[in-house]
């Protein structure tokens, strides 16, 4: 029963660590002019709905699990699944933007 709490906390910390690592290089390089010429364009507006649902789901599950102090195993596993999918999406976007630089 405690395994889901530990896995949830590890995955959330790993997500925030990856987010921090992804945000640091542009600021350490000091040359932000490369980032000014990168534009992400979408052919259809509805393509932005899925990442928005993923991000909103992450924040809502994170808040709900924190309020309930990670005692609900089903919510914990949903948060883990959502976070893993969000990490995969973030890594894909990061790789795409990094190749444009």
PDB file of N, CA and C in Angstrom:
ATOM      1  N   UNK A   1       0.816  -1.192   0.000  1.00  0.00           N
ATOM      2  CA  UNK A   1       0.000   0.000   0.000  1.00  0.00           C
ATOM      3  C   UNK A   1       0.861   1.258   0.000  1.00  0.00           C
ATOM      4  N   UNK A   2       2.018   1.214   0.586  1.00  0.00           N
ATOM      5  CA  UNK A   2       2.883   2.388   0.602  1.00  0.00           C
ATOM      6  C   UNK A   2       3.647   2.558  -0.700  1.00  0.00           C
ATOM      7  N   UNK A   3       3.658   1.521  -1.526  1.00  0.00           N
ATOM      8  CA  UNK A   3       4.427   1.583  -2.767  1.00  0.00           C
ATOM      9  C   UNK A   3       3.899   2.692  -3.667  1.00  0.00           C
ATOM     10  N   UNK A   4       2.585   2.835  -3.758  1.00  0.00           N
ATOM     11  CA  UNK A   4       2.036   3.867  -4.636  1.00  0.00           C
ATOM     12  C   UNK A   4       2.396   5.272  -4.164  1.00  0.00           C
ATOM     13  N   UNK A   5       2.477   5.490  -2.866  1.00  0.00           N
ATOM     14  CA  UNK A   5       2.894   6.803  -2.359  1.00  0.00           C
ATOM     15  C   UNK A   5       4.335   7.109  -2.764  1.00  0.00           C
ATOM     16  N   UNK A   6       5.197   6.128  -2.598  1.00  0.00           N
ATOM     17  CA  UNK A   6       6.617   6.325  -2.907  1.00  0.00           C
ATOM     18  C   UNK A   6       6.814   6.550  -4.397  1.00  0.00           C
ATOM     19  N   UNK A   7       6.151   5.714  -5.220  1.00  0.00           N
ATOM     20  CA  UNK A   7       6.276   5.857  -6.674  1.00  0.00           C
ATOM     21  C   UNK A   7       5.740   7.207  -7.128  1.00  0.00           C
ATOM     22  N   UNK A   8       4.623   7.638  -6.579  1.00  0.00           N
ATOM     23  CA  UNK A   8       4.044   8.921  -6.948  1.00  0.00           C
ATOM     24  C   UNK A   8       4.987  10.068  -6.617  1.00  0.00           C
ATOM     25  N   UNK A   9       5.534  10.065  -5.437  1.00  0.00           N
ATOM     26  CA  UNK A   9       6.438  11.144  -5.037  1.00  0.00           C
ATOM     27  C   UNK A   9       7.721  11.139  -5.866  1.00  0.00           C
ATOM     28  N   UNK A  10       8.239   9.956  -6.185  1.00  0.00           N
ATOM     29  CA  UNK A  10       9.452   9.880  -7.002  1.00  0.00           C
ATOM     30  C   UNK A  10       9.193  10.416  -8.412  1.00  0.00           C
ATOM     31  N   UNK A  11       8.070  10.025  -9.007  1.00  0.00           N
ATOM     32  CA  UNK A  11       7.764  10.465 -10.367  1.00  0.00           C
ATOM     33  C   UNK A  11       7.527  11.970 -10.415  1.00  0.00           C
ATOM     34  N   UNK A  12       6.843  12.521  -9.421  1.00  0.00           N
ATOM     35  CA  UNK A  12       6.605  13.956  -9.390  1.00  0.00           C
ATOM     36  C   UNK A  12       7.913  14.723  -9.230  1.00  0.00           C
ATOM     37  N   UNK A  13       8.783  14.252  -8.355  1.00  0.00           N
ATOM     38  CA  UNK A  13      10.077  14.915  -8.171  1.00  0.00           C
ATOM     39  C   UNK A  13      10.932  14.803  -9.424  1.00  0.00           C
ATOM     40  N   UNK A  14      10.876  13.671 -10.085  1.00  0.00           N
ATOM     41  CA  UNK A  14      11.614  13.498 -11.335  1.00  0.00           C
ATOM     42  C   UNK A  14      11.094  14.450 -12.412  1.00  0.00           C
ATOM     43  N   UNK A  15       9.775  14.631 -12.461  1.00  0.00           N
ATOM     44  CA  UNK A  15       9.189  15.566 -13.424  1.00  0.00           C
ATOM     45  C   UNK A  15       9.680  16.986 -13.177  1.00  0.00           C
ATOM     46  N   UNK A  16       9.642  17.424 -11.933  1.00  0.00           N
ATOM     47  CA  UNK A  16      10.090  18.781 -11.646  1.00  0.00           C
ATOM     48  C   UNK A  16      11.596  18.944 -11.862  1.00  0.00           C
ATOM     49  N   UNK A  17      12.353  17.893 -11.619  1.00  0.00           N
ATOM     50  CA  UNK A  17      13.787  17.938 -11.892  1.00  0.00           C
ATOM     51  C   UNK A  17      14.050  18.057 -13.396  1.00  0.00           C
ATOM     52  N   UNK A  18      13.340  17.280 -14.202  1.00  0.00           N
ATOM     53  CA  UNK A  18      13.485  17.382 -15.651  1.00  0.00           C
ATOM     54  C   UNK A  18      13.049  18.748 -16.157  1.00  0.00           C
ATOM     55  N   UNK A  19      12.005  19.293 -15.571  1.00  0.00           N
ATOM     56  CA  UNK A  19      11.548  20.626 -15.964  1.00  0.00           C
ATOM     57  C   UNK A  19      12.603  21.676 -15.639  1.00  0.00           C
ATOM     58  N   UNK A  20      13.226  21.556 -14.492  1.00  0.00           N
ATOM     59  CA  UNK A  20      14.288  22.482 -14.110  1.00  0.00           C
ATOM     60  C   UNK A  20      15.499  22.339 -15.025  1.00  0.00           C
ATOM     61  N   UNK A  21      15.872  21.108 -15.338  1.00  0.00           N
ATOM     62  CA  UNK A  21      17.012  20.875 -16.228  1.00  0.00           C
ATOM     63  C   UNK A  21      16.729  21.424 -17.627  1.00  0.00           C
ATOM     64  N   UNK A  22      15.496  21.318 -18.089  1.00  0.00           N
ATOM     65  CA  UNK A  22      15.150  21.823 -19.420  1.00  0.00           C
ATOM     66  C   UNK A  22      15.153  23.347 -19.463  1.00  0.00           C
ATOM     67  N   UNK A  23      14.861  24.000 -18.354  1.00  0.00           N
ATOM     68  CA  UNK A  23      14.808  25.460 -18.344  1.00  0.00           C
ATOM     69  C   UNK A  23      16.159  26.115 -18.098  1.00  0.00           C
ATOM     70  N   UNK A  24      17.107  25.390 -17.550  1.00  0.00           N
ATOM     71  CA  UNK A  24      18.400  25.976 -17.185  1.00  0.00           C
ATOM     72  C   UNK A  24      19.294  26.306 -18.390  1.00  0.00           C
ATOM     73  N   UNK A  25      19.471  25.428 -19.396  1.00  0.00           N
ATOM     74  CA  UNK A  25      20.430  25.735 -20.467  1.00  0.00           C
ATOM     75  C   UNK A  25      20.215  27.052 -21.203  1.00  0.00           C
ATOM     76  N   UNK A  26      19.003  27.453 -21.537  1.00  0.00           N
ATOM     77  CA  UNK A  26      18.881  28.748 -22.213  1.00  0.00           C
ATOM     78  C   UNK A  26      19.378  29.930 -21.361  1.00  0.00           C
ATOM     79  N   UNK A  27      19.238  29.807 -20.057  1.00  0.00           N
ATOM     80  CA  UNK A  27      19.667  30.898 -19.194  1.00  0.00           C
ATOM     81  C   UNK A  27      21.160  30.853 -18.920  1.00  0.00           C
ATOM     82  N   UNK A  28      21.756  29.668 -18.932  1.00  0.00           N
ATOM     83  CA  UNK A  28      23.197  29.560 -18.704  1.00  0.00           C
ATOM     84  C   UNK A  28      24.004  29.969 -19.924  1.00  0.00           C
ATOM     85  N   UNK A  29      23.448  29.745 -21.102  1.00  0.00           N
ATOM     86  CA  UNK A  29      24.169  30.110 -22.314  1.00  0.00           C
ATOM     87  C   UNK A  29      24.314  31.619 -22.451  1.00  0.00           C
ATOM     88  N   UNK A  30      23.363  32.351 -21.961  1.00  0.00           N
ATOM     89  CA  UNK A  30      23.419  33.800 -22.012  1.00  0.00           C
ATOM     90  C   UNK A  30      23.034  34.367 -23.360  1.00  0.00           C
ATOM     91  N   UNK A  31      22.936  33.545 -24.385  1.00  0.00           N
ATOM     92  CA  UNK A  31      22.581  34.013 -25.716  1.00  0.00           C
ATOM     93  C   UNK A  31      21.131  33.622 -25.987  1.00  0.00           C
ATOM     94  N   UNK A  32      20.229  34.504 -25.665  1.00  0.00           N
ATOM     95  CA  UNK A  32      18.817  34.207 -25.845  1.00  0.00           C
ATOM     96  C   UNK A  32      18.329  34.577 -27.237  1.00  0.00           C
ATOM     97  N   UNK A  33      19.212  35.070 -28.099  1.00  0.00           N
ATOM     98  CA  UNK A  33      18.781  35.430 -29.446  1.00  0.00           C
ATOM     99  C   UNK A  33      18.398  34.205 -30.261  1.00  0.00           C
ATOM    100  N   UNK A  34      18.944  33.042 -29.923  1.00  0.00           N
ATOM    101  CA  UNK A  34      18.574  31.811 -30.630  1.00  0.00           C
ATOM    102  C   UNK A  34      17.124  31.443 -30.366  1.00  0.00           C
ATOM    103  N   UNK A  35      16.678  31.703 -29.166  1.00  0.00           N
ATOM    104  CA  UNK A  35      15.304  31.339 -28.806  1.00  0.00           C
ATOM    105  C   UNK A  35      14.271  32.281 -29.407  1.00  0.00           C
ATOM    106  N   UNK A  36      14.675  33.468 -29.833  1.00  0.00           N
ATOM    107  CA  UNK A  36      13.732  34.431 -30.399  1.00  0.00           C
ATOM    108  C   UNK A  36      13.288  34.043 -31.800  1.00  0.00           C
ATOM    109  N   UNK A  37      14.026  33.191 -32.461  1.00  0.00           N
ATOM    110  CA  UNK A  37      13.715  32.820 -33.835  1.00  0.00           C
ATOM    111  C   UNK A  37      13.043  31.463 -33.941  1.00  0.00           C
ATOM    112  N   UNK A  38      12.603  30.915 -32.824  1.00  0.00           N
ATOM    113  CA  UNK A  38      11.935  29.617 -32.823  1.00  0.00           C
ATOM    114  C   UNK A  38      10.434  29.843 -32.646  1.00  0.00           C
ATOM    115  N   UNK A  39       9.680  29.320 -33.595  1.00  0.00           N
ATOM    116  CA  UNK A  39       8.233  29.451 -33.551  1.00  0.00           C
ATOM    117  C   UNK A  39       7.618  28.067 -33.707  1.00  0.00           C
ATOM    118  N   UNK A  40       6.715  27.735 -32.824  1.00  0.00           N
ATOM    119  CA  UNK A  40       5.953  26.497 -32.945  1.00  0.00           C
ATOM    120  C   UNK A  40       4.618  26.846 -33.575  1.00  0.00           C
ATOM    121  N   UNK A  41       4.356  26.275 -34.723  1.00  0.00           N
ATOM    122  CA  UNK A  41       3.089  26.559 -35.391  1.00  0.00           C
ATOM    123  C   UNK A  41       2.277  25.271 -35.490  1.00  0.00           C
ATOM    124  N   UNK A  42       1.012  25.424 -35.335  1.00  0.00           N
ATOM    125  CA  UNK A  42       0.094  24.302 -35.416  1.00  0.00           C
ATOM    126  C   UNK A  42      -0.865  24.549 -36.571  1.00  0.00           C
ATOM    127  N   UNK A  43      -1.140  23.507 -37.340  1.00  0.00           N
ATOM    128  CA  UNK A  43      -2.019  23.649 -38.491  1.00  0.00           C
ATOM    129  C   UNK A  43      -3.471  23.864 -38.076  1.00  0.00           C
ATOM    130  N   UNK A  44      -3.840  23.257 -36.975  1.00  0.00           N
ATOM    131  CA  UNK A  44      -5.210  23.372 -36.481  1.00  0.00           C
ATOM    132  C   UNK A  44      -5.189  23.782 -35.018  1.00  0.00           C
ATOM    133  N   UNK A  45      -6.122  24.628 -34.646  1.00  0.00           N
ATOM    134  CA  UNK A  45      -6.179  25.130 -33.274  1.00  0.00           C
ATOM    135  C   UNK A  45      -6.529  24.039 -32.269  1.00  0.00           C
ATOM    136  N   UNK A  46      -7.276  23.042 -32.682  1.00  0.00           N
ATOM    137  CA  UNK A  46      -7.705  22.009 -31.750  1.00  0.00           C
ATOM    138  C   UNK A  46      -6.550  21.109 -31.319  1.00  0.00           C
ATOM    139  N   UNK A  47      -5.405  21.212 -31.992  1.00  0.00           N
ATOM    140  CA  UNK A  47      -4.251  20.424 -31.579  1.00  0.00           C
ATOM    141  C   UNK A  47      -3.723  20.857 -30.212  1.00  0.00           C
ATOM    142  N   UNK A  48      -4.030  22.037 -29.788  1.00  0.00           N
ATOM    143  CA  UNK A  48      -3.577  22.547 -28.492  1.00  0.00           C
ATOM    144  C   UNK A  48      -4.460  22.076 -27.341  1.00  0.00           C
ATOM    145  N   UNK A  49      -5.590  21.478 -27.657  1.00  0.00           N
ATOM    146  CA  UNK A  49      -6.508  21.018 -26.605  1.00  0.00           C
ATOM    147  C   UNK A  49      -5.888  19.872 -25.808  1.00  0.00           C
ATOM    148  N   UNK A  50      -5.227  18.940 -26.479  1.00  0.00           N
ATOM    149  CA  UNK A  50      -4.706  17.759 -25.801  1.00  0.00           C
ATOM    150  C   UNK A  50      -3.584  18.090 -24.814  1.00  0.00           C
ATOM    151  N   UNK A  51      -2.610  18.926 -25.169  1.00  0.00           N
ATOM    152  CA  UNK A  51      -1.620  19.306 -24.156  1.00  0.00           C
ATOM    153  C   UNK A  51      -2.238  20.099 -23.006  1.00  0.00           C
ATOM    154  N   UNK A  52      -3.233  20.922 -23.309  1.00  0.00           N
ATOM    155  CA  UNK A  52      -3.882  21.696 -22.254  1.00  0.00           C
ATOM    156  C   UNK A  52      -4.617  20.772 -21.280  1.00  0.00           C
ATOM    157  N   UNK A  53      -5.299  19.759 -21.806  1.00  0.00           N
ATOM    158  CA  UNK A  53      -5.985  18.801 -20.946  1.00  0.00           C
ATOM    159  C   UNK A  53      -4.978  18.036 -20.091  1.00  0.00           C
ATOM    160  N   UNK A  54      -3.845  17.679 -20.688  1.00  0.00           N
ATOM    161  CA  UNK A  54      -2.804  16.957 -19.963  1.00  0.00           C
ATOM    162  C   UNK A  54      -2.231  17.800 -18.826  1.00  0.00           C
ATOM    163  N   UNK A  55      -1.959  19.061 -19.096  1.00  0.00           N
ATOM    164  CA  UNK A  55      -1.384  19.951 -18.079  1.00  0.00           C
ATOM    165  C   UNK A  55      -2.404  20.254 -16.982  1.00  0.00           C
ATOM    166  N   UNK A  56      -3.636  20.548 -17.370  1.00  0.00           N
ATOM    167  CA  UNK A  56      -4.678  20.810 -16.365  1.00  0.00           C
ATOM    168  C   UNK A  56      -4.957  19.570 -15.519  1.00  0.00           C
ATOM    169  N   UNK A  57      -4.937  18.405 -16.143  1.00  0.00           N
ATOM    170  CA  UNK A  57      -5.120  17.166 -15.398  1.00  0.00           C
ATOM    171  C   UNK A  57      -3.996  16.928 -14.407  1.00  0.00           C
ATOM    172  N   UNK A  58      -2.767  17.253 -14.814  1.00  0.00           N
ATOM    173  CA  UNK A  58      -1.630  17.094 -13.912  1.00  0.00           C
ATOM    174  C   UNK A  58      -1.782  17.974 -12.684  1.00  0.00           C
ATOM    175  N   UNK A  59      -2.084  19.260 -12.903  1.00  0.00           N
ATOM    176  CA  UNK A  59      -2.201  20.167 -11.765  1.00  0.00           C
ATOM    177  C   UNK A  59      -3.388  19.809 -10.864  1.00  0.00           C
ATOM    178  N   UNK A  60      -4.499  19.411 -11.463  1.00  0.00           N
ATOM    179  CA  UNK A  60      -5.649  19.061 -10.627  1.00  0.00           C
ATOM    180  C   UNK A  60      -5.376  17.781  -9.833  1.00  0.00           C
ATOM    181  N   UNK A  61      -4.779  16.771 -10.469  1.00  0.00           N
ATOM    182  CA  UNK A  61      -4.452  15.546  -9.732  1.00  0.00           C
ATOM    183  C   UNK A  61      -3.393  15.797  -8.667  1.00  0.00           C
ATOM    184  N   UNK A  62      -2.426  16.664  -8.964  1.00  0.00           N
ATOM    185  CA  UNK A  62      -1.395  16.984  -7.982  1.00  0.00           C
ATOM    186  C   UNK A  62      -2.002  17.658  -6.752  1.00  0.00           C
ATOM    187  N   UNK A  63      -2.911  18.581  -6.973  1.00  0.00           N
ATOM    188  CA  UNK A  63      -3.563  19.280  -5.856  1.00  0.00           C
ATOM    189  C   UNK A  63      -4.446  18.319  -5.064  1.00  0.00           C
ATOM    190  N   UNK A  64      -5.222  17.504  -5.765  1.00  0.00           N
ATOM    191  CA  UNK A  64      -6.111  16.562  -5.077  1.00  0.00           C
ATOM    192  C   UNK A  64      -5.308  15.557  -4.253  1.00  0.00           C
ATOM    193  N   UNK A  65      -4.240  15.022  -4.844  1.00  0.00           N
ATOM    194  CA  UNK A  65      -3.418  14.047  -4.109  1.00  0.00           C
ATOM    195  C   UNK A  65      -2.700  14.687  -2.927  1.00  0.00           C
ATOM    196  N   UNK A  66      -2.267  15.919  -3.077  1.00  0.00           N
ATOM    197  CA  UNK A  66      -1.590  16.599  -1.969  1.00  0.00           C
ATOM    198  C   UNK A  66      -2.571  16.892  -0.834  1.00  0.00           C
ATOM    199  N   UNK A  67      -3.797  17.271  -1.177  1.00  0.00           N
ATOM    200  CA  UNK A  67      -4.794  17.551  -0.142  1.00  0.00           C
ATOM    201  C   UNK A  67      -5.144  16.271   0.609  1.00  0.00           C
ATOM    202  N   UNK A  68      -5.255  15.173  -0.115  1.00  0.00           N
ATOM    203  CA  UNK A  68      -5.590  13.890   0.528  1.00  0.00           C
ATOM    204  C   UNK A  68      -4.353  13.174   1.054  1.00  0.00           C
ATOM    205  N   UNK A  69      -3.198  13.811   0.968  1.00  0.00           N
ATOM    206  CA  UNK A  69      -1.921  13.314   1.501  1.00  0.00           C
ATOM    207  C   UNK A  69      -1.544  11.946   0.931  1.00  0.00           C
ATOM    208  N   UNK A  70      -1.800  11.769  -0.364  1.00  0.00           N
ATOM    209  CA  UNK A  70      -1.402  10.571  -1.108  1.00  0.00           C
ATOM    210  C   UNK A  70      -1.946   9.287  -0.487  1.00  0.00           C
ATOM    211  N   UNK A  71      -3.145   9.330   0.074  1.00  0.00           N
ATOM    212  CA  UNK A  71      -3.736   8.153   0.701  1.00  0.00           C
ATOM    213  C   UNK A  71      -4.681   7.395  -0.234  1.00  0.00           C
ATOM    214  N   UNK A  72      -4.996   7.971  -1.384  1.00  0.00           N
ATOM    215  CA  UNK A  72      -5.884   7.327  -2.357  1.00  0.00           C
ATOM    216  C   UNK A  72      -5.041   6.652  -3.434  1.00  0.00           C
ATOM    217  N   UNK A  73      -4.953   5.327  -3.440  1.00  0.00           N
ATOM    218  CA  UNK A  73      -4.094   4.650  -4.416  1.00  0.00           C
ATOM    219  C   UNK A  73      -4.504   4.886  -5.874  1.00  0.00           C
ATOM    220  N   UNK A  74      -5.808   4.936  -6.142  1.00  0.00           N
ATOM    221  CA  UNK A  74      -6.263   5.137  -7.522  1.00  0.00           C
ATOM    222  C   UNK A  74      -5.834   6.504  -8.050  1.00  0.00           C
ATOM    223  N   UNK A  75      -5.994   7.531  -7.238  1.00  0.00           N
ATOM    224  CA  UNK A  75      -5.575   8.865  -7.655  1.00  0.00           C
ATOM    225  C   UNK A  75      -4.060   8.947  -7.806  1.00  0.00           C
ATOM    226  N   UNK A  76      -3.337   8.249  -6.946  1.00  0.00           N
ATOM    227  CA  UNK A  76      -1.878   8.242  -7.045  1.00  0.00           C
ATOM    228  C   UNK A  76      -1.422   7.635  -8.370  1.00  0.00           C
ATOM    229  N   UNK A  77      -2.026   6.513  -8.753  1.00  0.00           N
ATOM    230  CA  UNK A  77      -1.624   5.873 -10.005  1.00  0.00           C
ATOM    231  C   UNK A  77      -2.055   6.696 -11.208  1.00  0.00           C
ATOM    232  N   UNK A  78      -3.197   7.366 -11.118  1.00  0.00           N
ATOM    233  CA  UNK A  78      -3.592   8.278 -12.199  1.00  0.00           C
ATOM    234  C   UNK A  78      -2.599   9.426 -12.336  1.00  0.00           C
ATOM    235  N   UNK A  79      -2.137   9.945 -11.205  1.00  0.00           N
ATOM    236  CA  UNK A  79      -1.148  11.019 -11.234  1.00  0.00           C
ATOM    237  C   UNK A  79       0.169  10.524 -11.822  1.00  0.00           C
ATOM    238  N   UNK A  80       0.570   9.314 -11.479  1.00  0.00           N
ATOM    239  CA  UNK A  80       1.804   8.748 -12.035  1.00  0.00           C
ATOM    240  C   UNK A  80       1.679   8.595 -13.550  1.00  0.00           C
ATOM    241  N   UNK A  81       0.573   8.055 -14.011  1.00  0.00           N
ATOM    242  CA  UNK A  81       0.363   7.867 -15.442  1.00  0.00           C
ATOM    243  C   UNK A  81       0.338   9.207 -16.175  1.00  0.00           C
ATOM    244  N   UNK A  82      -0.372  10.167 -15.634  1.00  0.00           N
ATOM    245  CA  UNK A  82      -0.445  11.496 -16.236  1.00  0.00           C
ATOM    246  C   UNK A  82       0.930  12.146 -16.271  1.00  0.00           C
ATOM    247  N   UNK A  83       1.698  12.014 -15.219  1.00  0.00           N
ATOM    248  CA  UNK A  83       3.019  12.626 -15.162  1.00  0.00           C
ATOM    249  C   UNK A  83       3.977  11.981 -16.150  1.00  0.00           C
ATOM    250  N   UNK A  84       3.908  10.665 -16.298  1.00  0.00           N
ATOM    251  CA  UNK A  84       4.784   9.979 -17.250  1.00  0.00           C
ATOM    252  C   UNK A  84       4.456  10.404 -18.683  1.00  0.00           C
ATOM    253  N   UNK A  85       3.184  10.503 -19.011  1.00  0.00           N
ATOM    254  CA  UNK A  85       2.786  10.952 -20.344  1.00  0.00           C
ATOM    255  C   UNK A  85       3.209  12.411 -20.554  1.00  0.00           C
ATOM    256  N   UNK A  86       3.054  13.238 -19.535  1.00  0.00           N
ATOM    257  CA  UNK A  86       3.473  14.636 -19.635  1.00  0.00           C
ATOM    258  C   UNK A  86       4.984  14.753 -19.793  1.00  0.00           C
ATOM    259  N   UNK A  87       5.750  13.897 -19.119  1.00  0.00           N
ATOM    260  CA  UNK A  87       7.207  13.905 -19.290  1.00  0.00           C
ATOM    261  C   UNK A  87       7.588  13.505 -20.709  1.00  0.00           C
ATOM    262  N   UNK A  88       6.929  12.490 -21.255  1.00  0.00           N
ATOM    263  CA  UNK A  88       7.225  12.068 -22.626  1.00  0.00           C
ATOM    264  C   UNK A  88       6.895  13.187 -23.609  1.00  0.00           C
ATOM    265  N   UNK A  89       5.788  13.867 -23.404  1.00  0.00           N
ATOM    266  CA  UNK A  89       5.408  14.981 -24.266  1.00  0.00           C
ATOM    267  C   UNK A  89       6.413  16.128 -24.137  1.00  0.00           C
ATOM    268  N   UNK A  90       6.820  16.425 -22.919  1.00  0.00           N
ATOM    269  CA  UNK A  90       7.797  17.496 -22.702  1.00  0.00           C
ATOM    270  C   UNK A  90       9.150  17.190 -23.314  1.00  0.00           C
ATOM    271  N   UNK A  91       9.589  15.942 -23.206  1.00  0.00           N
ATOM    272  CA  UNK A  91      10.856  15.548 -23.820  1.00  0.00           C
ATOM    273  C   UNK A  91      10.764  15.664 -25.334  1.00  0.00           C
ATOM    274  N   UNK A  92       9.647  15.270 -25.912  1.00  0.00           N
ATOM    275  CA  UNK A  92       9.476  15.383 -27.364  1.00  0.00           C
ATOM    276  C   UNK A  92       9.520  16.843 -27.818  1.00  0.00           C
ATOM    277  N   UNK A  93       8.857  17.725 -27.090  1.00  0.00           N
ATOM    278  CA  UNK A  93       8.888  19.151 -27.426  1.00  0.00           C
ATOM    279  C   UNK A  93      10.287  19.709 -27.243  1.00  0.00           C
ATOM    280  N   UNK A  94      10.969  19.319 -26.168  1.00  0.00           N
ATOM    281  CA  UNK A  94      12.320  19.814 -25.909  1.00  0.00           C
ATOM    282  C   UNK A  94      13.283  19.385 -27.019  1.00  0.00           C
ATOM    283  N   UNK A  95      13.184  18.134 -27.454  1.00  0.00           N
ATOM    284  CA  UNK A  95      14.049  17.658 -28.531  1.00  0.00           C
ATOM    285  C   UNK A  95      13.764  18.423 -29.818  1.00  0.00           C
ATOM    286  N   UNK A  96      12.500  18.658 -30.089  1.00  0.00           N
ATOM    287  CA  UNK A  96      12.112  19.395 -31.307  1.00  0.00           C
ATOM    288  C   UNK A  96      12.666  20.819 -31.286  1.00  0.00           C
ATOM    289  N   UNK A  97      12.538  21.505 -30.168  1.00  0.00           N
ATOM    290  CA  UNK A  97      13.026  22.886 -30.048  1.00  0.00           C
ATOM    291  C   UNK A  97      14.554  22.906 -30.044  1.00  0.00           C
ATOM    292  N   UNK A  98      15.178  21.942 -29.416  1.00  0.00           N
ATOM    293  CA  UNK A  98      16.641  21.903 -29.343  1.00  0.00           C
ATOM    294  C   UNK A  98      17.255  21.710 -30.725  1.00  0.00           C
ATOM    295  N   UNK A  99      16.582  20.921 -31.588  1.00  0.00           N
ATOM    296  CA  UNK A  99      17.090  20.738 -32.945  1.00  0.00           C
ATOM    297  C   UNK A  99      16.923  21.991 -33.784  1.00  0.00           C
ATOM    298  N   UNK A 100      15.958  22.840 -33.457  1.00  0.00           N
ATOM    299  CA  UNK A 100      15.768  24.087 -34.186  1.00  0.00           C
ATOM    300  C   UNK A 100      16.828  25.124 -33.854  1.00  0.00           C
ATOM    301  N   UNK A 101      17.444  24.977 -32.672  1.00  0.00           N
ATOM    302  CA  UNK A 101      18.447  25.956 -32.272  1.00  0.00           C
ATOM    303  C   UNK A 101      19.702  25.641 -33.001  1.00  0.00           C
TER     304      UNK A 101
END
